[in-house]
Amino acid sequence: MTLRAANGSSAAAIAGHVTMAMAAAAGFTPLRAERARASLAQALGVCTGAVELGLAAEPGVLMARIRAAPEQLAAMGRLLAELSPERVDDRLELRFVRPQLDVV
């Protein structure tokens, strides 16, 4: 799924809702889905220029790709630093992974 916006800050809420839906498709718990939503919405909220958010879900994994101008990516990268985003050319890539629970 790809979301494109002329202004990232105005699309942050929509991106958050889409992230929640994709996180649910990946099988995340509501709390984990909310954390992914909040992180990506906050990052896009500081983007004053054009942005593209790509999301892909697999069982237990949500992958996010953010494309924007280099200075916008730098600002978003600082906000997402605790998630260890990978800078690849003109984009940031992140992986949200559902924690595995041990059966006792």
Protein backbone atom coordinates (compact mmCIF):
# COMPACT_ATOMS: atom_id res chain seq x y z
CA MET A 1 0.00 0.00 0.00
CA THR A 2 1.36 3.44 -0.89
CA LEU A 3 0.17 6.82 0.39
CA ARG A 4 1.42 10.00 -1.30
CA ALA A 5 0.84 13.52 0.00
CA ALA A 6 1.98 16.98 -1.05
CA ASN A 7 2.42 17.86 2.62
CA GLY A 8 3.35 15.18 5.12
CA SER A 9 2.11 17.06 8.16
CA SER A 10 -1.40 17.33 6.74
CA ALA A 11 -1.44 13.61 5.89
CA ALA A 12 -0.06 12.37 9.23
CA ALA A 13 -3.45 11.42 10.68
CA ILE A 14 -4.49 9.52 7.56
CA ALA A 15 -1.12 7.74 7.48
CA GLY A 16 -1.68 6.78 11.11
CA HIS A 17 -5.04 5.16 10.36
CA VAL A 18 -3.60 3.27 7.40
CA THR A 19 -0.70 2.11 9.58
CA MET A 20 -3.16 0.77 12.19
CA ALA A 21 -5.01 -1.20 9.52
CA MET A 22 -1.81 -2.63 8.07
CA ALA A 23 -0.51 -3.49 11.55
CA ALA A 24 -3.75 -5.37 12.22
CA ALA A 25 -3.23 -7.24 8.93
CA ALA A 26 0.23 -8.22 10.20
CA GLY A 27 -1.38 -9.65 13.35
CA PHE A 28 -0.17 -7.01 15.79
CA THR A 29 -1.89 -6.54 19.13
CA PRO A 30 -3.81 -3.26 19.50
CA LEU A 31 -1.06 -1.76 21.67
CA ARG A 32 1.72 -2.68 19.22
CA ALA A 33 -0.36 -1.36 16.31
CA GLU A 34 -0.90 1.90 18.19
CA ARG A 35 2.83 2.28 18.79
CA ALA A 36 3.55 1.84 15.08
CA ARG A 37 0.76 4.31 14.24
CA ALA A 38 2.02 6.91 16.68
CA SER A 39 5.63 6.63 15.53
CA LEU A 40 4.87 7.03 11.83
CA ALA A 41 2.24 9.74 12.34
CA GLN A 42 4.67 11.75 14.48
CA ALA A 43 7.42 11.41 11.89
CA LEU A 44 5.19 12.46 9.00
CA GLY A 45 3.86 15.29 11.15
CA VAL A 46 7.21 17.10 10.94
CA CYS A 47 7.41 16.75 7.16
CA THR A 48 6.41 20.03 5.54
CA GLY A 49 7.02 18.81 2.01
CA ALA A 50 5.93 15.98 -0.25
CA VAL A 51 6.13 12.52 1.23
CA GLU A 52 5.41 8.95 0.21
CA LEU A 53 4.68 6.25 2.77
CA GLY A 54 4.77 2.65 1.61
CA LEU A 55 3.55 -0.11 3.90
CA ALA A 56 3.64 -3.88 3.50
CA ALA A 57 2.36 -6.47 5.96
CA GLU A 58 3.38 -10.07 6.45
CA PRO A 59 2.44 -12.28 9.39
CA GLY A 60 4.21 -10.70 12.36
CA VAL A 61 5.99 -7.95 10.39
CA LEU A 62 5.02 -4.48 9.19
CA MET A 63 7.49 -2.87 6.82
CA ALA A 64 7.44 0.89 6.23
CA ARG A 65 9.24 2.93 3.57
CA ILE A 66 9.25 6.74 3.70
CA ARG A 67 10.39 8.83 0.73
CA ALA A 68 10.86 12.59 1.02
CA ALA A 69 13.40 15.33 0.45
CA PRO A 70 16.77 14.65 2.16
CA GLU A 71 16.33 17.34 4.83
CA GLN A 72 12.84 16.00 5.62
CA LEU A 73 14.20 12.46 5.90
CA ALA A 74 16.88 13.65 8.30
CA ALA A 75 14.26 15.21 10.60
CA MET A 76 12.05 12.13 10.45
CA GLY A 77 15.06 9.87 11.03
CA ARG A 78 15.87 11.72 14.26
CA LEU A 79 12.30 11.20 15.52
CA LEU A 80 12.37 7.53 14.60
CA ALA A 81 15.91 6.90 15.91
CA GLU A 82 14.79 4.49 18.65
CA LEU A 83 13.31 2.26 15.93
CA SER A 84 16.64 2.11 14.06
CA PRO A 85 15.42 3.22 10.64
CA GLU A 86 17.74 2.35 7.77
CA ARG A 87 18.59 5.14 5.34
CA VAL A 88 18.66 3.70 1.82
CA ASP A 89 19.29 6.25 -0.94
CA ASP A 90 16.25 8.56 -0.94
CA ARG A 91 14.20 6.78 1.71
CA LEU A 92 13.95 5.51 5.27
CA GLU A 93 13.04 1.87 5.85
CA LEU A 94 11.66 0.48 9.10
CA ARG A 95 10.51 -2.91 10.29
CA PHE A 96 8.01 -3.32 13.09
CA VAL A 97 8.07 -6.88 14.39
CA ARG A 98 5.42 -8.54 16.53
CA PRO A 99 7.13 -9.94 19.64
CA GLN A 100 7.06 -13.72 19.89
CA LEU A 101 5.38 -15.03 22.98
CA ASP A 102 6.76 -18.08 24.72
CA VAL A 103 4.24 -20.76 25.61
CA VAL A 104 4.61 -21.89 29.20
